[in-house]
N, C-alpha and C. Protein backbone atom coordinates (compact mmCIF):
# COMPACT_ATOMS: atom_id res chain seq x y z
N MET A 1 114.57 77.31 84.10
CA MET A 1 113.41 77.36 83.21
C MET A 1 112.53 78.53 83.61
N ASP A 2 112.29 79.43 82.69
CA ASP A 2 111.51 80.63 82.97
C ASP A 2 110.02 80.29 83.00
N ALA A 3 109.40 80.48 84.15
CA ALA A 3 107.99 80.13 84.29
C ALA A 3 107.10 80.89 83.32
N ARG A 4 107.48 82.11 82.97
CA ARG A 4 106.65 82.92 82.07
C ARG A 4 106.63 82.36 80.66
N MET A 5 107.58 81.48 80.35
CA MET A 5 107.68 80.90 79.01
C MET A 5 107.43 79.38 79.05
N THR A 6 106.78 78.94 80.12
CA THR A 6 106.56 77.51 80.33
C THR A 6 105.07 77.21 80.47
N ALA A 7 104.63 76.16 79.83
CA ALA A 7 103.24 75.69 79.96
C ALA A 7 103.24 74.26 80.45
N LEU A 8 102.44 74.01 81.47
CA LEU A 8 102.20 72.65 81.96
C LEU A 8 100.91 72.16 81.31
N VAL A 9 101.02 71.14 80.47
CA VAL A 9 99.87 70.62 79.74
C VAL A 9 99.40 69.34 80.42
N LEU A 10 98.18 69.37 80.92
CA LEU A 10 97.58 68.27 81.69
C LEU A 10 96.66 67.47 80.79
N ILE A 11 97.08 66.28 80.44
CA ILE A 11 96.39 65.49 79.43
C ILE A 11 95.41 64.50 80.07
N GLU A 12 94.13 64.76 79.87
CA GLU A 12 93.05 63.82 80.22
C GLU A 12 92.97 63.45 81.70
N TYR A 13 93.10 64.44 82.55
CA TYR A 13 92.84 64.22 83.98
C TYR A 13 91.32 64.26 84.18
N GLN A 14 90.67 63.23 83.70
CA GLN A 14 89.22 63.15 83.69
C GLN A 14 88.76 61.96 84.53
N ASN A 15 87.51 62.01 84.95
CA ASN A 15 87.00 60.97 85.85
C ASN A 15 87.13 59.57 85.28
N ASP A 16 86.96 59.40 83.97
CA ASP A 16 87.04 58.07 83.39
C ASP A 16 88.41 57.43 83.58
N PHE A 17 89.45 58.22 83.73
CA PHE A 17 90.77 57.71 84.04
C PHE A 17 91.06 57.72 85.54
N VAL A 18 90.75 58.81 86.20
CA VAL A 18 91.31 59.07 87.53
C VAL A 18 90.46 58.51 88.67
N LYS A 19 89.17 58.45 88.52
CA LYS A 19 88.29 58.17 89.66
C LYS A 19 87.72 56.75 89.65
N GLU A 20 87.51 56.24 90.85
CA GLU A 20 86.85 54.94 91.01
C GLU A 20 85.50 55.00 90.30
N GLY A 21 85.23 53.99 89.49
CA GLY A 21 84.00 53.97 88.70
C GLY A 21 84.19 54.52 87.30
N GLY A 22 85.31 55.16 87.04
CA GLY A 22 85.61 55.64 85.70
C GLY A 22 85.85 54.47 84.74
N ALA A 23 85.49 54.67 83.49
CA ALA A 23 85.53 53.57 82.51
C ALA A 23 86.91 52.96 82.34
N GLN A 24 87.96 53.76 82.51
CA GLN A 24 89.32 53.27 82.31
C GLN A 24 90.16 53.26 83.60
N HIS A 25 89.52 53.56 84.73
CA HIS A 25 90.30 53.72 85.95
C HIS A 25 90.98 52.44 86.42
N ALA A 26 90.27 51.33 86.38
CA ALA A 26 90.86 50.08 86.85
C ALA A 26 92.12 49.72 86.08
N ALA A 27 92.15 50.08 84.81
CA ALA A 27 93.30 49.75 83.97
C ALA A 27 94.54 50.56 84.32
N VAL A 28 94.36 51.81 84.71
CA VAL A 28 95.52 52.68 84.98
C VAL A 28 95.86 52.78 86.47
N ARG A 29 94.98 52.29 87.31
CA ARG A 29 95.18 52.46 88.75
C ARG A 29 96.50 51.87 89.26
N PRO A 30 96.90 50.67 88.84
CA PRO A 30 98.16 50.13 89.36
C PRO A 30 99.36 51.04 89.11
N VAL A 31 99.44 51.61 87.92
CA VAL A 31 100.56 52.51 87.62
C VAL A 31 100.41 53.82 88.39
N MET A 32 99.20 54.34 88.47
CA MET A 32 98.97 55.55 89.24
C MET A 32 99.42 55.37 90.69
N ASP A 33 99.01 54.24 91.27
CA ASP A 33 99.34 53.98 92.67
C ASP A 33 100.84 53.78 92.88
N SER A 34 101.49 53.15 91.92
CA SER A 34 102.90 52.80 92.11
C SER A 34 103.80 54.03 92.17
N SER A 35 103.39 55.11 91.50
CA SER A 35 104.22 56.32 91.48
C SER A 35 103.63 57.49 92.26
N ASN A 36 102.45 57.26 92.87
CA ASN A 36 101.76 58.36 93.55
C ASN A 36 101.42 59.47 92.56
N MET A 37 101.03 59.05 91.38
CA MET A 37 100.88 59.94 90.23
C MET A 37 99.93 61.11 90.47
N LEU A 38 98.76 60.83 91.06
CA LEU A 38 97.79 61.91 91.22
C LEU A 38 98.28 62.96 92.21
N ALA A 39 98.78 62.53 93.35
CA ALA A 39 99.29 63.48 94.34
C ALA A 39 100.45 64.29 93.77
N ASN A 40 101.33 63.63 93.03
CA ASN A 40 102.44 64.34 92.40
C ASN A 40 101.93 65.40 91.42
N SER A 41 100.92 65.03 90.66
CA SER A 41 100.35 65.95 89.67
C SER A 41 99.73 67.17 90.33
N LEU A 42 98.94 66.94 91.39
CA LEU A 42 98.29 68.05 92.08
C LEU A 42 99.33 68.99 92.69
N ALA A 43 100.38 68.43 93.26
CA ALA A 43 101.44 69.27 93.83
C ALA A 43 102.14 70.07 92.75
N THR A 44 102.34 69.45 91.60
CA THR A 44 103.01 70.14 90.49
C THR A 44 102.19 71.29 89.97
N VAL A 45 100.91 71.07 89.80
CA VAL A 45 100.03 72.14 89.31
C VAL A 45 100.03 73.32 90.28
N GLU A 46 99.88 73.04 91.54
CA GLU A 46 99.84 74.11 92.53
C GLU A 46 101.12 74.93 92.53
N ALA A 47 102.25 74.24 92.52
CA ALA A 47 103.53 74.95 92.57
C ALA A 47 103.83 75.68 91.27
N ALA A 48 103.55 75.04 90.14
CA ALA A 48 103.82 75.68 88.85
C ALA A 48 102.94 76.90 88.65
N ARG A 49 101.68 76.79 89.05
CA ARG A 49 100.78 77.95 88.95
C ARG A 49 101.28 79.10 89.82
N ALA A 50 101.71 78.78 91.02
CA ALA A 50 102.20 79.82 91.94
C ALA A 50 103.44 80.52 91.39
N LYS A 51 104.23 79.80 90.62
CA LYS A 51 105.46 80.38 90.05
C LYS A 51 105.19 81.16 88.76
N GLY A 52 103.97 81.04 88.24
CA GLY A 52 103.60 81.82 87.06
C GLY A 52 103.59 81.07 85.75
N ALA A 53 103.73 79.74 85.80
CA ALA A 53 103.64 78.96 84.57
C ALA A 53 102.19 78.89 84.09
N ALA A 54 102.01 78.75 82.79
CA ALA A 54 100.67 78.58 82.23
C ALA A 54 100.20 77.15 82.51
N ILE A 55 98.95 77.03 82.96
CA ILE A 55 98.36 75.72 83.22
C ILE A 55 97.32 75.47 82.13
N MET A 56 97.51 74.39 81.37
CA MET A 56 96.62 74.08 80.25
C MET A 56 96.05 72.68 80.43
N HIS A 57 94.74 72.60 80.35
CA HIS A 57 94.03 71.32 80.49
C HIS A 57 93.65 70.82 79.10
N ALA A 58 93.94 69.55 78.84
CA ALA A 58 93.65 68.98 77.52
C ALA A 58 92.78 67.73 77.68
N PRO A 59 91.48 67.92 77.93
CA PRO A 59 90.57 66.77 78.03
C PRO A 59 90.18 66.26 76.65
N ILE A 60 89.73 65.02 76.61
CA ILE A 60 89.22 64.44 75.37
C ILE A 60 87.74 64.13 75.58
N SER A 61 86.94 64.29 74.54
CA SER A 61 85.53 63.92 74.64
C SER A 61 84.98 63.63 73.26
N PHE A 62 83.93 62.84 73.24
CA PHE A 62 83.28 62.44 72.00
C PHE A 62 81.78 62.62 72.13
N ALA A 63 81.14 63.01 71.04
CA ALA A 63 79.68 63.15 71.02
C ALA A 63 79.02 61.79 71.21
N GLU A 64 77.78 61.81 71.66
CA GLU A 64 77.03 60.56 71.86
C GLU A 64 77.04 59.76 70.56
N GLY A 65 77.34 58.48 70.68
CA GLY A 65 77.42 57.63 69.49
C GLY A 65 78.79 57.60 68.85
N TYR A 66 79.70 58.41 69.33
CA TYR A 66 81.09 58.45 68.86
C TYR A 66 81.20 58.65 67.34
N PRO A 67 80.54 59.68 66.80
CA PRO A 67 80.64 59.89 65.35
C PRO A 67 82.04 60.30 64.89
N GLU A 68 82.89 60.75 65.82
CA GLU A 68 84.25 61.17 65.45
C GLU A 68 85.19 59.98 65.24
N ILE A 69 84.76 58.79 65.70
CA ILE A 69 85.59 57.60 65.60
C ILE A 69 85.17 56.80 64.37
N PRO A 70 86.12 56.24 63.61
CA PRO A 70 85.77 55.47 62.41
C PRO A 70 84.80 54.34 62.71
N ALA A 71 84.08 53.92 61.69
CA ALA A 71 83.07 52.87 61.85
C ALA A 71 83.68 51.56 62.33
N GLU A 72 84.90 51.28 61.93
CA GLU A 72 85.57 50.06 62.36
C GLU A 72 86.89 50.44 63.05
N PRO A 73 86.80 50.95 64.26
CA PRO A 73 88.01 51.43 64.94
C PRO A 73 88.90 50.26 65.37
N TYR A 74 90.17 50.56 65.53
CA TYR A 74 91.12 49.58 66.05
C TYR A 74 92.07 50.30 66.99
N GLY A 75 92.86 49.54 67.70
CA GLY A 75 93.81 50.15 68.62
C GLY A 75 93.11 50.83 69.79
N ILE A 76 93.71 51.89 70.27
CA ILE A 76 93.25 52.55 71.49
C ILE A 76 91.84 53.11 71.34
N LEU A 77 91.48 53.60 70.16
CA LEU A 77 90.14 54.16 69.97
C LEU A 77 89.06 53.07 70.03
N ALA A 78 89.41 51.86 69.64
CA ALA A 78 88.47 50.75 69.79
C ALA A 78 88.19 50.50 71.27
N GLY A 79 89.22 50.66 72.10
CA GLY A 79 89.05 50.50 73.53
C GLY A 79 88.17 51.57 74.13
N VAL A 80 88.32 52.80 73.64
CA VAL A 80 87.47 53.90 74.11
C VAL A 80 86.01 53.61 73.79
N LEU A 81 85.77 53.17 72.57
CA LEU A 81 84.40 52.87 72.14
C LEU A 81 83.81 51.71 72.94
N ALA A 82 84.59 50.66 73.12
CA ALA A 82 84.09 49.48 73.83
C ALA A 82 83.74 49.79 75.29
N SER A 83 84.49 50.69 75.91
CA SER A 83 84.24 51.02 77.32
C SER A 83 83.28 52.19 77.49
N LYS A 84 82.85 52.77 76.36
CA LYS A 84 81.94 53.92 76.39
C LYS A 84 82.54 55.08 77.21
N ALA A 85 83.83 55.29 77.05
CA ALA A 85 84.53 56.31 77.83
C ALA A 85 84.45 57.69 77.17
N PHE A 86 84.60 58.71 78.00
CA PHE A 86 84.78 60.10 77.56
C PHE A 86 83.63 60.62 76.69
N ARG A 87 82.41 60.28 77.08
CA ARG A 87 81.24 60.79 76.36
C ARG A 87 80.96 62.22 76.79
N LYS A 88 80.89 63.10 75.84
CA LYS A 88 80.70 64.52 76.10
C LYS A 88 79.48 64.75 76.99
N GLY A 89 79.66 65.53 78.04
CA GLY A 89 78.57 65.84 78.97
C GLY A 89 78.41 64.84 80.09
N SER A 90 79.15 63.74 80.05
CA SER A 90 79.03 62.72 81.08
C SER A 90 79.96 63.01 82.25
N TRP A 91 79.70 62.35 83.37
CA TRP A 91 80.59 62.47 84.52
C TRP A 91 82.00 62.01 84.17
N GLY A 92 82.10 60.93 83.40
CA GLY A 92 83.40 60.38 83.05
C GLY A 92 84.28 61.33 82.26
N ALA A 93 83.65 62.17 81.46
CA ALA A 93 84.43 63.10 80.63
C ALA A 93 84.83 64.37 81.36
N GLN A 94 84.28 64.59 82.54
CA GLN A 94 84.59 65.82 83.28
C GLN A 94 86.01 65.80 83.82
N ILE A 95 86.66 66.97 83.81
CA ILE A 95 87.94 67.12 84.48
C ILE A 95 87.70 66.89 85.97
N ILE A 96 88.62 66.19 86.62
CA ILE A 96 88.43 65.86 88.03
C ILE A 96 88.29 67.13 88.88
N ASP A 97 87.52 67.01 89.94
CA ASP A 97 87.25 68.17 90.80
C ASP A 97 88.53 68.82 91.32
N GLU A 98 89.52 67.99 91.66
CA GLU A 98 90.76 68.53 92.22
C GLU A 98 91.52 69.42 91.25
N LEU A 99 91.23 69.25 89.95
CA LEU A 99 91.90 70.07 88.94
C LEU A 99 90.92 70.95 88.18
N THR A 100 89.82 71.28 88.80
CA THR A 100 88.90 72.23 88.17
C THR A 100 89.69 73.45 87.73
N PRO A 101 89.61 73.81 86.46
CA PRO A 101 90.43 74.93 85.98
C PRO A 101 90.23 76.19 86.81
N ALA A 102 91.34 76.77 87.23
CA ALA A 102 91.32 78.01 88.00
C ALA A 102 91.30 79.21 87.05
N GLU A 103 91.03 80.36 87.60
CA GLU A 103 91.07 81.58 86.80
C GLU A 103 92.46 81.72 86.21
N GLY A 104 92.51 81.94 84.92
CA GLY A 104 93.79 82.07 84.23
C GLY A 104 94.26 80.78 83.57
N ASP A 105 93.71 79.64 83.98
CA ASP A 105 94.02 78.39 83.30
C ASP A 105 93.38 78.40 81.92
N ILE A 106 93.89 77.56 81.04
CA ILE A 106 93.35 77.44 79.69
C ILE A 106 92.89 76.01 79.46
N VAL A 107 91.68 75.84 78.96
CA VAL A 107 91.17 74.52 78.57
C VAL A 107 91.27 74.41 77.05
N ILE A 108 92.06 73.45 76.61
CA ILE A 108 92.24 73.24 75.18
C ILE A 108 91.04 72.47 74.64
N GLU A 109 90.36 73.06 73.69
CA GLU A 109 89.13 72.47 73.15
C GLU A 109 89.42 71.64 71.90
N GLY A 110 88.63 70.59 71.72
CA GLY A 110 88.62 69.88 70.44
C GLY A 110 89.48 68.64 70.37
N LYS A 111 90.04 68.18 71.49
CA LYS A 111 90.86 66.97 71.43
C LYS A 111 89.97 65.76 71.16
N ARG A 112 90.22 65.09 70.06
CA ARG A 112 89.42 63.92 69.68
C ARG A 112 90.28 62.69 69.43
N GLY A 113 91.59 62.87 69.44
CA GLY A 113 92.49 61.75 69.20
C GLY A 113 93.64 61.79 70.17
N LEU A 114 94.78 61.26 69.76
CA LEU A 114 95.89 61.07 70.68
C LEU A 114 96.72 62.32 70.89
N ASP A 115 97.13 62.96 69.83
CA ASP A 115 98.03 64.11 69.87
C ASP A 115 97.26 65.37 70.24
N CYS A 116 97.68 66.04 71.30
CA CYS A 116 96.98 67.27 71.73
C CYS A 116 97.05 68.38 70.71
N PHE A 117 98.01 68.32 69.79
CA PHE A 117 98.13 69.36 68.78
C PHE A 117 97.22 69.12 67.57
N ALA A 118 96.83 67.87 67.33
CA ALA A 118 96.28 67.48 66.03
C ALA A 118 94.97 68.18 65.67
N SER A 119 94.03 68.26 66.59
CA SER A 119 92.71 68.80 66.25
C SER A 119 92.34 69.98 67.14
N THR A 120 93.35 70.64 67.71
CA THR A 120 93.10 71.75 68.63
C THR A 120 93.90 72.98 68.23
N ASN A 121 93.72 74.04 68.99
CA ASN A 121 94.48 75.27 68.75
C ASN A 121 95.63 75.41 69.76
N LEU A 122 96.11 74.28 70.28
CA LEU A 122 97.17 74.32 71.28
C LEU A 122 98.41 75.05 70.78
N ASP A 123 98.87 74.74 69.59
CA ASP A 123 100.08 75.37 69.06
C ASP A 123 99.90 76.88 68.95
N PHE A 124 98.74 77.31 68.47
CA PHE A 124 98.45 78.75 68.33
C PHE A 124 98.51 79.43 69.69
N ILE A 125 97.90 78.82 70.70
CA ILE A 125 97.88 79.43 72.03
C ILE A 125 99.29 79.50 72.61
N LEU A 126 100.05 78.44 72.47
CA LEU A 126 101.42 78.44 72.99
C LEU A 126 102.25 79.55 72.35
N ARG A 127 102.15 79.69 71.05
CA ARG A 127 102.95 80.70 70.35
C ARG A 127 102.46 82.11 70.67
N GLN A 128 101.16 82.29 70.79
CA GLN A 128 100.63 83.60 71.15
C GLN A 128 101.12 84.06 72.51
N ARG A 129 101.34 83.10 73.40
CA ARG A 129 101.77 83.42 74.76
C ARG A 129 103.30 83.43 74.91
N GLY A 130 104.01 83.17 73.83
CA GLY A 130 105.45 83.17 73.88
C GLY A 130 106.04 81.99 74.64
N ILE A 131 105.31 80.88 74.66
CA ILE A 131 105.77 79.69 75.38
C ILE A 131 106.87 78.98 74.58
N THR A 132 107.96 78.66 75.25
CA THR A 132 109.06 77.91 74.63
C THR A 132 109.24 76.52 75.24
N HIS A 133 108.77 76.34 76.49
CA HIS A 133 108.91 75.07 77.20
C HIS A 133 107.54 74.45 77.44
N VAL A 134 107.37 73.23 76.98
CA VAL A 134 106.11 72.50 77.15
C VAL A 134 106.38 71.31 78.08
N VAL A 135 105.64 71.27 79.18
CA VAL A 135 105.82 70.23 80.19
C VAL A 135 104.57 69.37 80.19
N LEU A 136 104.75 68.05 80.06
CA LEU A 136 103.62 67.15 79.86
C LEU A 136 103.39 66.23 81.05
N ALA A 137 102.11 66.03 81.36
CA ALA A 137 101.69 65.11 82.42
C ALA A 137 100.34 64.53 82.02
N GLY A 138 100.05 63.30 82.46
CA GLY A 138 98.72 62.76 82.22
C GLY A 138 98.69 61.35 81.68
N PHE A 139 97.68 61.10 80.85
CA PHE A 139 97.34 59.76 80.37
C PHE A 139 97.27 59.75 78.84
N LEU A 140 97.44 58.63 78.26
CA LEU A 140 98.22 57.49 78.69
C LEU A 140 99.67 57.73 78.33
N THR A 141 100.57 57.26 79.14
CA THR A 141 101.99 57.55 78.97
C THR A 141 102.47 57.30 77.56
N ASN A 142 102.19 56.10 77.04
CA ASN A 142 102.71 55.70 75.74
C ASN A 142 101.73 55.95 74.61
N CYS A 143 100.73 56.75 74.88
CA CYS A 143 99.71 57.03 73.87
C CYS A 143 99.59 58.55 73.68
N CYS A 144 98.68 59.19 74.39
CA CYS A 144 98.47 60.62 74.21
C CYS A 144 99.66 61.45 74.68
N VAL A 145 100.27 61.06 75.79
CA VAL A 145 101.43 61.81 76.27
C VAL A 145 102.56 61.72 75.26
N GLU A 146 102.86 60.51 74.81
CA GLU A 146 103.96 60.34 73.87
C GLU A 146 103.66 60.98 72.52
N SER A 147 102.43 60.87 72.04
CA SER A 147 102.08 61.50 70.76
C SER A 147 102.26 63.01 70.83
N THR A 148 101.82 63.60 71.94
CA THR A 148 101.95 65.04 72.12
C THR A 148 103.41 65.43 72.28
N MET A 149 104.18 64.62 72.99
CA MET A 149 105.61 64.85 73.17
C MET A 149 106.32 64.93 71.82
N ARG A 150 106.04 63.97 70.97
CA ARG A 150 106.69 63.95 69.66
C ARG A 150 106.32 65.17 68.83
N SER A 151 105.06 65.56 68.87
CA SER A 151 104.62 66.72 68.10
C SER A 151 105.25 68.01 68.62
N ALA A 152 105.31 68.15 69.94
CA ALA A 152 105.92 69.34 70.52
C ALA A 152 107.40 69.41 70.17
N TYR A 153 108.06 68.28 70.23
CA TYR A 153 109.49 68.20 69.88
C TYR A 153 109.71 68.64 68.44
N GLU A 154 108.89 68.12 67.52
CA GLU A 154 109.06 68.45 66.11
C GLU A 154 108.69 69.90 65.81
N ARG A 155 107.88 70.52 66.64
CA ARG A 155 107.53 71.93 66.46
C ARG A 155 108.55 72.87 67.07
N GLY A 156 109.58 72.32 67.68
CA GLY A 156 110.66 73.15 68.19
C GLY A 156 110.54 73.59 69.63
N TYR A 157 109.55 73.09 70.33
CA TYR A 157 109.45 73.41 71.76
C TYR A 157 110.49 72.61 72.54
N ARG A 158 110.88 73.15 73.68
CA ARG A 158 111.73 72.38 74.61
C ARG A 158 110.75 71.60 75.48
N VAL A 159 110.81 70.28 75.39
CA VAL A 159 109.78 69.42 75.97
C VAL A 159 110.31 68.72 77.21
N VAL A 160 109.53 68.79 78.27
CA VAL A 160 109.81 68.05 79.50
C VAL A 160 108.63 67.11 79.73
N THR A 161 108.92 65.84 80.05
CA THR A 161 107.86 64.92 80.40
C THR A 161 108.07 64.46 81.84
N LEU A 162 107.02 64.55 82.63
CA LEU A 162 107.11 64.24 84.06
C LEU A 162 106.87 62.75 84.28
N ILE A 163 107.93 62.04 84.60
CA ILE A 163 107.85 60.58 84.64
C ILE A 163 106.99 60.06 85.79
N ASP A 164 106.83 60.86 86.84
CA ASP A 164 105.99 60.43 87.97
C ASP A 164 104.64 61.13 87.99
N CYS A 165 104.28 61.71 86.85
CA CYS A 165 102.95 62.32 86.68
C CYS A 165 102.30 61.79 85.41
N THR A 166 102.64 60.56 85.04
CA THR A 166 102.04 59.91 83.88
C THR A 166 101.64 58.49 84.28
N ALA A 167 100.70 57.92 83.54
CA ALA A 167 100.29 56.54 83.81
C ALA A 167 99.86 55.85 82.53
N ALA A 168 100.23 54.58 82.43
CA ALA A 168 99.88 53.74 81.29
C ALA A 168 98.96 52.61 81.76
N LEU A 169 98.62 51.71 80.83
CA LEU A 169 97.70 50.61 81.13
C LEU A 169 98.36 49.45 81.86
N SER A 170 99.68 49.47 81.93
CA SER A 170 100.39 48.41 82.66
C SER A 170 101.75 48.92 83.09
N PRO A 171 102.31 48.35 84.15
CA PRO A 171 103.66 48.74 84.56
C PRO A 171 104.70 48.50 83.46
N GLU A 172 104.50 47.46 82.66
CA GLU A 172 105.44 47.17 81.58
C GLU A 172 105.44 48.27 80.53
N GLU A 173 104.26 48.75 80.16
CA GLU A 173 104.16 49.82 79.18
C GLU A 173 104.75 51.11 79.73
N GLN A 174 104.48 51.38 81.00
CA GLN A 174 105.02 52.58 81.64
C GLN A 174 106.55 52.54 81.62
N LYS A 175 107.10 51.43 82.04
CA LYS A 175 108.56 51.30 82.11
C LYS A 175 109.19 51.44 80.73
N MET A 176 108.62 50.81 79.73
CA MET A 176 109.17 50.87 78.38
C MET A 176 109.17 52.29 77.84
N ALA A 177 108.05 53.00 78.01
CA ALA A 177 107.97 54.37 77.51
C ALA A 177 108.98 55.28 78.22
N VAL A 178 109.01 55.19 79.53
CA VAL A 178 109.90 56.07 80.31
C VAL A 178 111.36 55.77 80.04
N SER A 179 111.69 54.49 79.92
CA SER A 179 113.09 54.11 79.81
C SER A 179 113.66 54.21 78.40
N THR A 180 112.79 54.16 77.38
CA THR A 180 113.31 54.16 76.02
C THR A 180 112.85 55.35 75.18
N ASP A 181 111.58 55.67 75.21
CA ASP A 181 111.05 56.68 74.28
C ASP A 181 111.17 58.11 74.79
N PHE A 182 110.95 58.31 76.08
CA PHE A 182 110.89 59.68 76.59
C PHE A 182 112.14 60.48 76.26
N ALA A 183 113.31 59.89 76.45
CA ALA A 183 114.55 60.64 76.26
C ALA A 183 114.85 60.95 74.80
N MET A 184 114.16 60.29 73.89
CA MET A 184 114.35 60.58 72.47
C MET A 184 113.66 61.87 72.06
N PHE A 185 112.59 62.22 72.74
CA PHE A 185 111.77 63.35 72.31
C PHE A 185 111.53 64.38 73.41
N SER A 186 112.14 64.19 74.58
CA SER A 186 111.91 65.13 75.67
C SER A 186 113.02 65.01 76.70
N LEU A 187 112.92 65.86 77.71
CA LEU A 187 113.79 65.78 78.87
C LEU A 187 112.96 65.15 79.99
N PRO A 188 113.14 63.86 80.25
CA PRO A 188 112.35 63.22 81.31
C PRO A 188 112.79 63.72 82.68
N MET A 189 111.83 64.08 83.52
CA MET A 189 112.13 64.57 84.87
C MET A 189 111.07 64.09 85.84
N THR A 190 111.45 63.97 87.10
CA THR A 190 110.44 63.84 88.15
C THR A 190 109.79 65.21 88.34
N HIS A 191 108.64 65.22 88.99
CA HIS A 191 107.98 66.51 89.20
C HIS A 191 108.82 67.40 90.11
N GLU A 192 109.53 66.80 91.06
CA GLU A 192 110.35 67.60 91.95
C GLU A 192 111.53 68.23 91.22
N ALA A 193 112.15 67.48 90.31
CA ALA A 193 113.26 68.03 89.55
C ALA A 193 112.79 69.18 88.65
N PHE A 194 111.62 69.00 88.04
CA PHE A 194 111.06 70.08 87.21
C PHE A 194 110.81 71.33 88.04
N LEU A 195 110.15 71.19 89.16
CA LEU A 195 109.82 72.36 89.99
C LEU A 195 111.08 73.05 90.50
N ALA A 196 112.13 72.28 90.72
CA ALA A 196 113.39 72.89 91.19
C ALA A 196 114.03 73.76 90.13
N THR A 197 113.77 73.44 88.85
CA THR A 197 114.37 74.23 87.76
C THR A 197 113.49 75.40 87.33
N LEU A 198 112.23 75.41 87.78
CA LEU A 198 111.27 76.42 87.34
C LEU A 198 111.43 77.69 88.18
N GLN A 199 111.75 78.76 87.50
CA GLN A 199 111.99 80.04 88.21
C GLN A 199 111.03 81.12 87.69
């Protein structure tokens, strides 16, 4: 895999998911802990950046009062509203300190829903940079990661999903996504297997 044509897309590595006290942290912590997800992710970013891959951060945030969410939300967005997560300008919405974007990293602006492509310029940036391989890591495995995976696949990118750099709300959801859905729309890999192929 040519690093110059590869982008590592980091989905929602924000305090509300990753850090103690975050609005959604307690829900994802068991899966994070079971796979050593955060440490794996940090190691992947460091190594991929050193090899010359593009590092792209895809945080989600909502204005105060959540005007971007329907008046009667359901599903995952209802959970976001109920927990008051990812409020723009809040500590919870900030990218974690360990992944503060470095010089040359790209922060994808405008993510308001599940799919990183839907309301952002991610596709434009990838094509402008000549990216052919999109590597996904982050939250939630069967939600934003999977939605983005499907979109990247349909847009013709070669998609890799890092099975030990993702986390869902339960071990059951994590297992189901990794064992059934990932291989339909991506090449599932551990972070070590991905880094071994990145040249």
